[in-house]
Amino acid sequence: MNMTDTDTKNDSSAQSMAENKEGTMVGGALMVKDKDIVDNALNAKNVTTTVSLVQKAGLVDTLKSEGPFTVFAPNNDAFSKLPAETVASLQKEENVGTLKNILTYHVVPGTYTSAALKVMAQKGESLTTIQGEMLMPVLDGGKVYIQDAMGNKSAIETTDVISSNGVTHVVQSVLMPKS
């Protein structure tokens, strides 16, 4: 299950990296490398809120496309940290644009493994999301966190979930863009 450390942030492809992994357990389900990001997430019980919101925002086709993508998927507990009215508001039809803005802030073009994120953190490099704003991998006590535009750091609870069209890291907080 260990990936080889690399100084490159966009290795040749998600498929070549997937060959190094048999699969990862997420939310009690085996994530299979030949399934796409969405199909794997649908089976994970710890990201059901994220999956539901991705569906509500109309982002399923995007995340099922070729990619590759790196997704920082908030676990269910991440949403419970937000005020209940915030989550309820995001689920309203009139707020789909805001929901889409927040969710696309969790998606980065390219494949960034935990090893690549660690190297980026050491070099002070940032990631540009498909939403357009930046995320920053940062090191704290030797562990990689993802820092959002508001300066909040989110721990990564599960790393390097390889799918056919990228990699997912399950994070413990909802990442918030500036806009």
N, C-alpha and C. Protein backbone atom coordinates (compact mmCIF):
# COMPACT_ATOMS: atom_id res chain seq x y z
N MET A 1 0.79 -1.19 0.00
CA MET A 1 0.00 0.00 0.00
C MET A 1 0.84 1.26 0.00
N ASN A 2 2.13 1.17 0.18
CA ASN A 2 2.98 2.35 0.19
C ASN A 2 3.32 2.77 -1.22
N MET A 3 3.22 4.09 -1.45
CA MET A 3 3.59 4.65 -2.74
C MET A 3 5.05 5.08 -2.65
N THR A 4 5.75 5.05 -3.76
CA THR A 4 7.12 5.52 -3.78
C THR A 4 7.12 7.04 -3.77
N ASP A 5 7.94 7.65 -2.91
CA ASP A 5 8.02 9.11 -2.88
C ASP A 5 8.55 9.61 -4.22
N THR A 6 8.01 10.74 -4.63
CA THR A 6 8.41 11.33 -5.89
C THR A 6 8.45 12.84 -5.77
N ASP A 7 9.32 13.47 -6.50
CA ASP A 7 9.37 14.92 -6.50
C ASP A 7 8.47 15.50 -7.58
N THR A 8 7.81 14.66 -8.34
CA THR A 8 6.95 15.18 -9.38
C THR A 8 5.53 15.18 -8.88
N LYS A 9 4.81 16.25 -9.23
CA LYS A 9 3.45 16.36 -8.75
C LYS A 9 2.45 15.77 -9.74
N ASN A 10 2.79 15.61 -10.97
CA ASN A 10 1.88 15.05 -11.96
C ASN A 10 2.57 13.88 -12.62
N ASP A 11 2.68 12.75 -11.93
CA ASP A 11 3.31 11.58 -12.52
C ASP A 11 2.64 11.29 -13.86
N SER A 12 3.10 10.28 -14.55
CA SER A 12 2.64 10.04 -15.91
C SER A 12 1.14 9.93 -16.03
N SER A 13 0.48 9.22 -15.13
CA SER A 13 -0.98 9.14 -15.18
C SER A 13 -1.50 8.47 -13.93
N ALA A 14 -2.79 8.66 -13.69
CA ALA A 14 -3.41 8.01 -12.54
C ALA A 14 -3.34 6.50 -12.70
N GLN A 15 -3.44 6.03 -13.93
CA GLN A 15 -3.44 4.59 -14.15
C GLN A 15 -2.10 3.96 -13.77
N SER A 16 -1.00 4.62 -14.12
CA SER A 16 0.30 4.03 -13.78
C SER A 16 0.50 3.98 -12.27
N MET A 17 0.00 5.01 -11.55
CA MET A 17 0.10 4.98 -10.10
C MET A 17 -0.82 3.94 -9.51
N ALA A 18 -1.97 3.75 -10.14
CA ALA A 18 -2.93 2.78 -9.63
C ALA A 18 -2.36 1.38 -9.65
N GLU A 19 -1.44 1.10 -10.54
CA GLU A 19 -0.84 -0.22 -10.61
C GLU A 19 -0.05 -0.54 -9.35
N ASN A 20 0.30 0.47 -8.57
CA ASN A 20 1.05 0.26 -7.33
C ASN A 20 0.14 -0.03 -6.14
N LYS A 21 -1.16 -0.01 -6.34
CA LYS A 21 -2.10 -0.17 -5.24
C LYS A 21 -3.14 -1.21 -5.60
N GLU A 22 -3.48 -2.07 -4.66
CA GLU A 22 -4.56 -3.03 -4.87
C GLU A 22 -5.90 -2.38 -4.61
N GLY A 23 -5.96 -1.48 -3.68
CA GLY A 23 -7.21 -0.82 -3.30
C GLY A 23 -7.06 -0.28 -1.90
N THR A 24 -7.99 0.59 -1.52
CA THR A 24 -7.97 1.23 -0.21
C THR A 24 -9.36 1.12 0.38
N MET A 25 -9.43 0.84 1.67
CA MET A 25 -10.72 0.82 2.35
C MET A 25 -11.08 2.24 2.76
N VAL A 26 -12.27 2.68 2.38
CA VAL A 26 -12.77 4.00 2.75
C VAL A 26 -14.22 3.83 3.18
N GLY A 27 -14.52 4.27 4.38
CA GLY A 27 -15.90 4.17 4.86
C GLY A 27 -16.45 2.77 4.82
N GLY A 28 -15.58 1.78 5.06
CA GLY A 28 -16.01 0.39 5.09
C GLY A 28 -16.14 -0.27 3.73
N ALA A 29 -15.75 0.42 2.68
CA ALA A 29 -15.87 -0.14 1.33
C ALA A 29 -14.51 -0.13 0.63
N LEU A 30 -14.26 -1.14 -0.17
CA LEU A 30 -13.02 -1.21 -0.94
C LEU A 30 -13.13 -0.30 -2.15
N MET A 31 -12.20 0.64 -2.27
CA MET A 31 -12.14 1.51 -3.44
C MET A 31 -11.30 0.80 -4.48
N VAL A 32 -11.87 0.65 -5.67
CA VAL A 32 -11.25 -0.14 -6.72
C VAL A 32 -10.64 0.79 -7.76
N LYS A 33 -9.38 0.54 -8.11
CA LYS A 33 -8.64 1.45 -8.99
C LYS A 33 -9.21 1.55 -10.40
N ASP A 34 -10.01 0.58 -10.86
CA ASP A 34 -10.56 0.70 -12.21
C ASP A 34 -11.94 1.35 -12.24
N LYS A 35 -12.43 1.81 -11.08
CA LYS A 35 -13.66 2.59 -11.01
C LYS A 35 -13.29 4.06 -10.96
N ASP A 36 -14.19 4.93 -11.43
CA ASP A 36 -13.90 6.36 -11.37
C ASP A 36 -14.15 6.90 -9.96
N ILE A 37 -13.80 8.15 -9.77
CA ILE A 37 -13.90 8.79 -8.46
C ILE A 37 -15.31 8.71 -7.90
N VAL A 38 -16.32 9.00 -8.73
CA VAL A 38 -17.71 8.99 -8.26
C VAL A 38 -18.15 7.58 -7.90
N ASP A 39 -17.88 6.62 -8.76
CA ASP A 39 -18.32 5.25 -8.48
C ASP A 39 -17.69 4.71 -7.20
N ASN A 40 -16.44 5.05 -6.95
CA ASN A 40 -15.81 4.64 -5.69
C ASN A 40 -16.46 5.35 -4.51
N ALA A 41 -16.68 6.65 -4.61
CA ALA A 41 -17.25 7.41 -3.50
C ALA A 41 -18.67 6.97 -3.15
N LEU A 42 -19.41 6.51 -4.14
CA LEU A 42 -20.78 6.05 -3.88
C LEU A 42 -20.84 4.91 -2.88
N ASN A 43 -19.77 4.14 -2.76
CA ASN A 43 -19.73 2.99 -1.85
C ASN A 43 -19.19 3.32 -0.46
N ALA A 44 -18.63 4.49 -0.28
CA ALA A 44 -17.98 4.85 0.98
C ALA A 44 -18.98 5.52 1.92
N LYS A 45 -19.24 4.90 3.04
CA LYS A 45 -20.23 5.42 3.99
C LYS A 45 -19.80 6.70 4.70
N ASN A 46 -18.50 7.01 4.69
CA ASN A 46 -18.04 8.21 5.41
C ASN A 46 -18.02 9.48 4.55
N VAL A 47 -18.41 9.40 3.28
CA VAL A 47 -18.48 10.59 2.43
C VAL A 47 -19.85 10.73 1.76
N THR A 48 -20.89 10.21 2.40
CA THR A 48 -22.23 10.25 1.80
C THR A 48 -22.75 11.68 1.64
N THR A 49 -22.41 12.56 2.57
CA THR A 49 -22.86 13.96 2.44
C THR A 49 -22.20 14.60 1.23
N THR A 50 -20.91 14.38 1.05
CA THR A 50 -20.21 14.93 -0.12
C THR A 50 -20.83 14.39 -1.40
N VAL A 51 -21.07 13.10 -1.46
CA VAL A 51 -21.67 12.49 -2.67
C VAL A 51 -23.03 13.11 -2.95
N SER A 52 -23.84 13.25 -1.93
CA SER A 52 -25.17 13.84 -2.09
C SER A 52 -25.09 15.28 -2.62
N LEU A 53 -24.16 16.05 -2.07
CA LEU A 53 -24.01 17.44 -2.50
C LEU A 53 -23.43 17.54 -3.92
N VAL A 54 -22.52 16.62 -4.28
CA VAL A 54 -21.99 16.58 -5.65
C VAL A 54 -23.13 16.32 -6.63
N GLN A 55 -24.02 15.42 -6.27
CA GLN A 55 -25.19 15.13 -7.11
C GLN A 55 -26.08 16.36 -7.22
N LYS A 56 -26.36 17.00 -6.09
CA LYS A 56 -27.21 18.20 -6.05
C LYS A 56 -26.62 19.33 -6.91
N ALA A 57 -25.30 19.47 -6.90
CA ALA A 57 -24.63 20.55 -7.65
C ALA A 57 -24.45 20.22 -9.13
N GLY A 58 -24.80 19.01 -9.54
CA GLY A 58 -24.65 18.64 -10.95
C GLY A 58 -23.22 18.40 -11.37
N LEU A 59 -22.39 17.92 -10.45
CA LEU A 59 -20.97 17.72 -10.75
C LEU A 59 -20.59 16.27 -11.01
N VAL A 60 -21.57 15.37 -11.04
CA VAL A 60 -21.27 13.95 -11.24
C VAL A 60 -20.56 13.72 -12.57
N ASP A 61 -21.09 14.29 -13.65
CA ASP A 61 -20.47 14.07 -14.97
C ASP A 61 -19.04 14.60 -15.01
N THR A 62 -18.80 15.73 -14.37
CA THR A 62 -17.45 16.29 -14.32
C THR A 62 -16.50 15.31 -13.65
N LEU A 63 -16.91 14.77 -12.51
CA LEU A 63 -16.03 13.88 -11.74
C LEU A 63 -15.99 12.45 -12.29
N LYS A 64 -16.84 12.16 -13.26
CA LYS A 64 -16.78 10.86 -13.93
C LYS A 64 -15.98 10.97 -15.24
N SER A 65 -15.64 12.20 -15.63
CA SER A 65 -14.90 12.40 -16.88
C SER A 65 -13.46 11.92 -16.74
N GLU A 66 -12.74 11.98 -17.84
CA GLU A 66 -11.39 11.41 -17.91
C GLU A 66 -10.41 11.98 -16.88
N GLY A 67 -10.52 13.28 -16.61
CA GLY A 67 -9.58 13.88 -15.66
C GLY A 67 -8.19 13.94 -16.23
N PRO A 68 -7.18 13.68 -15.43
CA PRO A 68 -7.24 13.22 -14.04
C PRO A 68 -7.51 14.37 -13.07
N PHE A 69 -8.06 14.00 -11.91
CA PHE A 69 -8.38 14.94 -10.85
C PHE A 69 -7.79 14.47 -9.53
N THR A 70 -7.53 15.43 -8.67
CA THR A 70 -7.27 15.15 -7.26
C THR A 70 -8.44 15.76 -6.52
N VAL A 71 -9.13 14.94 -5.73
CA VAL A 71 -10.30 15.39 -4.98
C VAL A 71 -10.00 15.32 -3.50
N PHE A 72 -10.28 16.41 -2.80
CA PHE A 72 -10.20 16.46 -1.34
C PHE A 72 -11.64 16.35 -0.85
N ALA A 73 -12.08 15.12 -0.57
CA ALA A 73 -13.48 14.85 -0.23
C ALA A 73 -13.70 14.97 1.28
N PRO A 74 -14.51 15.95 1.70
CA PRO A 74 -14.80 16.07 3.14
C PRO A 74 -15.59 14.85 3.63
N ASN A 75 -15.20 14.35 4.81
CA ASN A 75 -15.97 13.26 5.39
C ASN A 75 -17.27 13.83 5.97
N ASN A 76 -18.17 12.94 6.36
CA ASN A 76 -19.46 13.38 6.90
C ASN A 76 -19.29 14.27 8.13
N ASP A 77 -18.32 13.95 8.98
CA ASP A 77 -18.09 14.75 10.18
C ASP A 77 -17.69 16.19 9.83
N ALA A 78 -17.04 16.38 8.69
CA ALA A 78 -16.65 17.73 8.27
C ALA A 78 -17.87 18.63 8.12
N PHE A 79 -18.94 18.07 7.56
CA PHE A 79 -20.16 18.87 7.38
C PHE A 79 -20.87 19.10 8.70
N SER A 80 -20.74 18.17 9.64
CA SER A 80 -21.38 18.36 10.94
C SER A 80 -20.68 19.45 11.74
N LYS A 81 -19.45 19.82 11.37
CA LYS A 81 -18.74 20.93 12.03
C LYS A 81 -19.29 22.29 11.59
N LEU A 82 -19.95 22.31 10.42
CA LEU A 82 -20.54 23.56 9.94
C LEU A 82 -21.86 23.80 10.65
N PRO A 83 -22.27 25.07 10.76
CA PRO A 83 -23.60 25.32 11.34
C PRO A 83 -24.67 24.60 10.51
N ALA A 84 -25.64 23.99 11.18
CA ALA A 84 -26.69 23.21 10.50
C ALA A 84 -27.39 24.04 9.43
N GLU A 85 -27.60 25.32 9.71
CA GLU A 85 -28.29 26.16 8.73
C GLU A 85 -27.45 26.37 7.46
N THR A 86 -26.13 26.30 7.58
CA THR A 86 -25.27 26.43 6.40
C THR A 86 -25.45 25.25 5.47
N VAL A 87 -25.42 24.05 6.00
CA VAL A 87 -25.60 22.85 5.18
C VAL A 87 -27.00 22.84 4.57
N ALA A 88 -28.01 23.18 5.35
CA ALA A 88 -29.39 23.23 4.85
C ALA A 88 -29.52 24.26 3.73
N SER A 89 -28.89 25.40 3.91
CA SER A 89 -28.93 26.47 2.92
C SER A 89 -28.28 26.03 1.60
N LEU A 90 -27.14 25.33 1.71
CA LEU A 90 -26.44 24.87 0.51
C LEU A 90 -27.27 23.87 -0.30
N GLN A 91 -28.19 23.20 0.34
CA GLN A 91 -29.01 22.20 -0.34
C GLN A 91 -30.22 22.81 -1.04
N LYS A 92 -30.46 24.10 -0.84
CA LYS A 92 -31.60 24.78 -1.48
C LYS A 92 -31.27 25.07 -2.95
N GLU A 93 -32.26 24.92 -3.79
CA GLU A 93 -32.09 25.10 -5.24
C GLU A 93 -31.48 26.46 -5.59
N GLU A 94 -31.88 27.51 -4.87
CA GLU A 94 -31.37 28.85 -5.19
C GLU A 94 -29.90 29.04 -4.82
N ASN A 95 -29.32 28.09 -4.08
CA ASN A 95 -27.93 28.21 -3.67
C ASN A 95 -27.01 27.19 -4.36
N VAL A 96 -27.48 26.60 -5.45
CA VAL A 96 -26.67 25.60 -6.16
C VAL A 96 -25.36 26.20 -6.66
N GLY A 97 -25.38 27.46 -7.07
CA GLY A 97 -24.15 28.12 -7.53
C GLY A 97 -23.10 28.21 -6.43
N THR A 98 -23.53 28.56 -5.23
CA THR A 98 -22.62 28.62 -4.08
C THR A 98 -22.10 27.23 -3.74
N LEU A 99 -23.00 26.25 -3.75
CA LEU A 99 -22.61 24.87 -3.48
C LEU A 99 -21.57 24.40 -4.49
N LYS A 100 -21.82 24.66 -5.76
CA LYS A 100 -20.89 24.26 -6.82
C LYS A 100 -19.54 24.95 -6.62
N ASN A 101 -19.55 26.21 -6.23
CA ASN A 101 -18.32 26.97 -5.98
C ASN A 101 -17.50 26.31 -4.87
N ILE A 102 -18.16 25.92 -3.80
CA ILE A 102 -17.46 25.28 -2.68
C ILE A 102 -16.93 23.91 -3.07
N LEU A 103 -17.76 23.11 -3.73
CA LEU A 103 -17.34 21.75 -4.09
C LEU A 103 -16.21 21.74 -5.12
N THR A 104 -16.27 22.63 -6.11
CA THR A 104 -15.20 22.65 -7.11
C THR A 104 -13.89 23.18 -6.52
N TYR A 105 -13.99 23.83 -5.37
CA TYR A 105 -12.79 24.26 -4.65
C TYR A 105 -12.05 23.07 -4.04
N HIS A 106 -12.70 21.92 -3.99
CA HIS A 106 -12.11 20.69 -3.45
C HIS A 106 -11.50 19.81 -4.54
N VAL A 107 -11.49 20.30 -5.79
CA VAL A 107 -11.03 19.50 -6.93
C VAL A 107 -9.90 20.22 -7.64
N VAL A 108 -8.81 19.49 -7.87
CA VAL A 108 -7.62 20.04 -8.53
C VAL A 108 -7.36 19.22 -9.79
N PRO A 109 -7.11 19.88 -10.93
CA PRO A 109 -6.74 19.12 -12.12
C PRO A 109 -5.38 18.45 -11.91
N GLY A 110 -5.25 17.21 -12.33
CA GLY A 110 -4.00 16.48 -12.18
C GLY A 110 -4.09 15.49 -11.04
N THR A 111 -3.07 14.67 -10.93
CA THR A 111 -3.01 13.64 -9.90
C THR A 111 -1.90 13.98 -8.91
N TYR A 112 -2.29 14.26 -7.67
CA TYR A 112 -1.34 14.62 -6.62
C TYR A 112 -1.45 13.61 -5.48
N THR A 113 -0.49 12.71 -5.39
CA THR A 113 -0.46 11.74 -4.31
C THR A 113 -0.02 12.42 -3.01
N SER A 114 -0.12 11.69 -1.91
CA SER A 114 0.34 12.25 -0.63
C SER A 114 1.83 12.57 -0.67
N ALA A 115 2.60 11.75 -1.38
CA ALA A 115 4.03 12.02 -1.51
C ALA A 115 4.27 13.33 -2.25
N ALA A 116 3.52 13.56 -3.32
CA ALA A 116 3.65 14.80 -4.08
C ALA A 116 3.21 16.00 -3.25
N LEU A 117 2.13 15.83 -2.47
CA LEU A 117 1.66 16.92 -1.61
C LEU A 117 2.71 17.27 -0.56
N LYS A 118 3.40 16.28 -0.03
CA LYS A 118 4.44 16.53 0.97
C LYS A 118 5.58 17.34 0.36
N VAL A 119 6.00 16.96 -0.85
CA VAL A 119 7.06 17.70 -1.54
C VAL A 119 6.62 19.13 -1.81
N MET A 120 5.37 19.30 -2.25
CA MET A 120 4.86 20.65 -2.50
C MET A 120 4.85 21.48 -1.22
N ALA A 121 4.44 20.85 -0.12
CA ALA A 121 4.43 21.56 1.17
C ALA A 121 5.83 22.00 1.55
N GLN A 122 6.82 21.13 1.35
CA GLN A 122 8.20 21.46 1.67
C GLN A 122 8.72 22.62 0.82
N LYS A 123 8.24 22.70 -0.42
CA LYS A 123 8.68 23.76 -1.34
C LYS A 123 7.80 25.01 -1.27
N GLY A 124 6.71 24.96 -0.51
CA GLY A 124 5.81 26.11 -0.42
C GLY A 124 4.97 26.31 -1.65
N GLU A 125 4.73 25.25 -2.41
CA GLU A 125 3.93 25.34 -3.64
C GLU A 125 2.45 25.17 -3.33
N SER A 126 1.62 25.78 -4.17
CA SER A 126 0.17 25.71 -3.99
C SER A 126 -0.48 24.93 -5.13
N LEU A 127 -1.75 24.63 -4.95
CA LEU A 127 -2.56 23.92 -5.94
C LEU A 127 -3.65 24.86 -6.42
N THR A 128 -3.91 24.91 -7.72
CA THR A 128 -5.01 25.70 -8.24
C THR A 128 -6.18 24.77 -8.50
N THR A 129 -7.31 25.06 -7.87
CA THR A 129 -8.49 24.22 -8.00
C THR A 129 -9.23 24.51 -9.31
N ILE A 130 -10.17 23.63 -9.67
CA ILE A 130 -10.96 23.91 -10.87
C ILE A 130 -11.90 25.08 -10.64
N GLN A 131 -12.11 25.45 -9.39
CA GLN A 131 -12.90 26.63 -9.05
C GLN A 131 -12.10 27.90 -9.34
N GLY A 132 -10.76 27.78 -9.34
CA GLY A 132 -9.91 28.91 -9.69
C GLY A 132 -9.06 29.46 -8.56
N GLU A 133 -9.42 29.15 -7.33
CA GLU A 133 -8.63 29.63 -6.19
C GLU A 133 -7.60 28.58 -5.77
N MET A 134 -6.75 28.98 -4.85
CA MET A 134 -5.63 28.13 -4.43
C MET A 134 -5.91 27.37 -3.14
N LEU A 135 -5.32 26.19 -3.06
CA LEU A 135 -5.19 25.42 -1.82
C LEU A 135 -3.70 25.27 -1.56
N MET A 136 -3.34 25.16 -0.30
CA MET A 136 -1.93 25.06 0.06
C MET A 136 -1.68 23.82 0.89
N PRO A 137 -0.87 22.88 0.37
CA PRO A 137 -0.43 21.79 1.23
C PRO A 137 0.56 22.35 2.25
N VAL A 138 0.38 22.02 3.52
CA VAL A 138 1.28 22.49 4.56
C VAL A 138 1.66 21.32 5.47
N LEU A 139 2.85 21.40 6.03
CA LEU A 139 3.32 20.38 6.96
C LEU A 139 3.15 20.88 8.39
N ASP A 140 2.68 20.00 9.24
CA ASP A 140 2.56 20.31 10.66
C ASP A 140 2.88 19.02 11.40
N GLY A 141 4.00 19.01 12.10
CA GLY A 141 4.41 17.81 12.82
C GLY A 141 4.71 16.64 11.89
N GLY A 142 5.18 16.95 10.68
CA GLY A 142 5.51 15.91 9.72
C GLY A 142 4.32 15.38 8.94
N LYS A 143 3.13 15.86 9.26
CA LYS A 143 1.91 15.42 8.58
C LYS A 143 1.44 16.50 7.61
N VAL A 144 0.92 16.08 6.45
CA VAL A 144 0.43 17.03 5.45
C VAL A 144 -1.02 17.40 5.76
N TYR A 145 -1.28 18.69 5.75
CA TYR A 145 -2.63 19.24 5.87
C TYR A 145 -2.91 20.04 4.60
N ILE A 146 -4.18 20.31 4.36
CA ILE A 146 -4.57 21.18 3.25
C ILE A 146 -5.14 22.45 3.86
N GLN A 147 -4.56 23.59 3.47
CA GLN A 147 -5.00 24.88 4.00
C GLN A 147 -5.83 25.59 2.94
N ASP A 148 -7.00 26.09 3.35
CA ASP A 148 -7.88 26.78 2.41
C ASP A 148 -7.58 28.27 2.36
N ALA A 149 -8.33 28.99 1.54
CA ALA A 149 -8.12 30.42 1.34
C ALA A 149 -8.41 31.24 2.59
N MET A 150 -9.16 30.66 3.53
CA MET A 150 -9.49 31.35 4.77
C MET A 150 -8.44 31.10 5.85
N GLY A 151 -7.42 30.28 5.52
CA GLY A 151 -6.35 30.00 6.47
C GLY A 151 -6.61 28.79 7.36
N ASN A 152 -7.74 28.10 7.14
CA ASN A 152 -8.07 26.92 7.94
C ASN A 152 -7.35 25.70 7.39
N LYS A 153 -6.81 24.87 8.29
CA LYS A 153 -6.11 23.66 7.89
C LYS A 153 -7.02 22.45 8.12
N SER A 154 -7.02 21.56 7.14
CA SER A 154 -7.78 20.31 7.26
C SER A 154 -6.82 19.13 7.23
N ALA A 155 -6.97 18.25 8.22
CA ALA A 155 -6.19 17.01 8.23
C ALA A 155 -6.72 16.08 7.14
N ILE A 156 -5.83 15.28 6.61
CA ILE A 156 -6.21 14.27 5.62
C ILE A 156 -6.30 12.95 6.38
N GLU A 157 -7.50 12.36 6.41
CA GLU A 157 -7.67 11.13 7.20
C GLU A 157 -7.38 9.88 6.38
N THR A 158 -7.63 9.94 5.08
CA THR A 158 -7.32 8.81 4.19
C THR A 158 -6.65 9.38 2.95
N THR A 159 -5.48 8.85 2.61
CA THR A 159 -4.73 9.37 1.46
C THR A 159 -4.71 8.37 0.32
N ASP A 160 -4.45 8.89 -0.86
CA ASP A 160 -4.11 8.09 -2.04
C ASP A 160 -5.14 7.02 -2.40
N VAL A 161 -6.41 7.42 -2.46
CA VAL A 161 -7.45 6.51 -2.93
C VAL A 161 -7.44 6.63 -4.46
N ILE A 162 -6.80 5.67 -5.10
CA ILE A 162 -6.59 5.73 -6.54
C ILE A 162 -7.84 5.24 -7.27
N SER A 163 -8.27 6.03 -8.24
CA SER A 163 -9.39 5.69 -9.12
C SER A 163 -8.91 5.75 -10.56
N SER A 164 -9.77 5.36 -11.48
CA SER A 164 -9.37 5.35 -12.88
C SER A 164 -9.12 6.74 -13.43
N ASN A 165 -9.70 7.76 -12.81
CA ASN A 165 -9.53 9.12 -13.32
C ASN A 165 -8.92 10.08 -12.29
N GLY A 166 -8.15 9.53 -11.36
CA GLY A 166 -7.46 10.41 -10.43
C GLY A 166 -7.27 9.81 -9.06
N VAL A 167 -7.14 10.68 -8.08
CA VAL A 167 -6.88 10.27 -6.70
C VAL A 167 -7.76 11.10 -5.76
N THR A 168 -8.22 10.45 -4.70
CA THR A 168 -9.03 11.14 -3.69
C THR A 168 -8.32 11.05 -2.36
N HIS A 169 -8.38 12.16 -1.62
CA HIS A 169 -7.92 12.21 -0.24
C HIS A 169 -9.13 12.63 0.60
N VAL A 170 -9.47 11.86 1.61
CA VAL A 170 -10.60 12.21 2.48
C VAL A 170 -10.09 13.17 3.55
N VAL A 171 -10.73 14.35 3.63
CA VAL A 171 -10.30 15.39 4.56
C VAL A 171 -11.33 15.55 5.68
N GLN A 172 -10.88 16.12 6.79
CA GLN A 172 -11.71 16.23 7.98
C GLN A 172 -12.44 17.55 8.14
N SER A 173 -12.28 18.46 7.16
CA SER A 173 -12.96 19.75 7.21
C SER A 173 -13.41 20.13 5.81
N VAL A 174 -14.45 20.95 5.74
CA VAL A 174 -14.87 21.52 4.47
C VAL A 174 -13.94 22.68 4.17
N LEU A 175 -13.33 22.67 3.00
CA LEU A 175 -12.41 23.73 2.58
C LEU A 175 -13.23 24.88 2.02
N MET A 176 -12.92 26.10 2.45
CA MET A 176 -13.73 27.25 2.05
C MET A 176 -12.93 28.24 1.20
N PRO A 177 -13.47 28.54 0.00
CA PRO A 177 -12.81 29.55 -0.85
C PRO A 177 -13.11 30.96 -0.33
N LYS A 178 -12.36 31.94 -0.85
CA LYS A 178 -12.61 33.33 -0.47
C LYS A 178 -13.92 33.82 -1.09
N SER A 179 -14.16 33.42 -2.34
CA SER A 179 -15.36 33.93 -3.02
C SER A 179 -16.44 32.88 -3.10
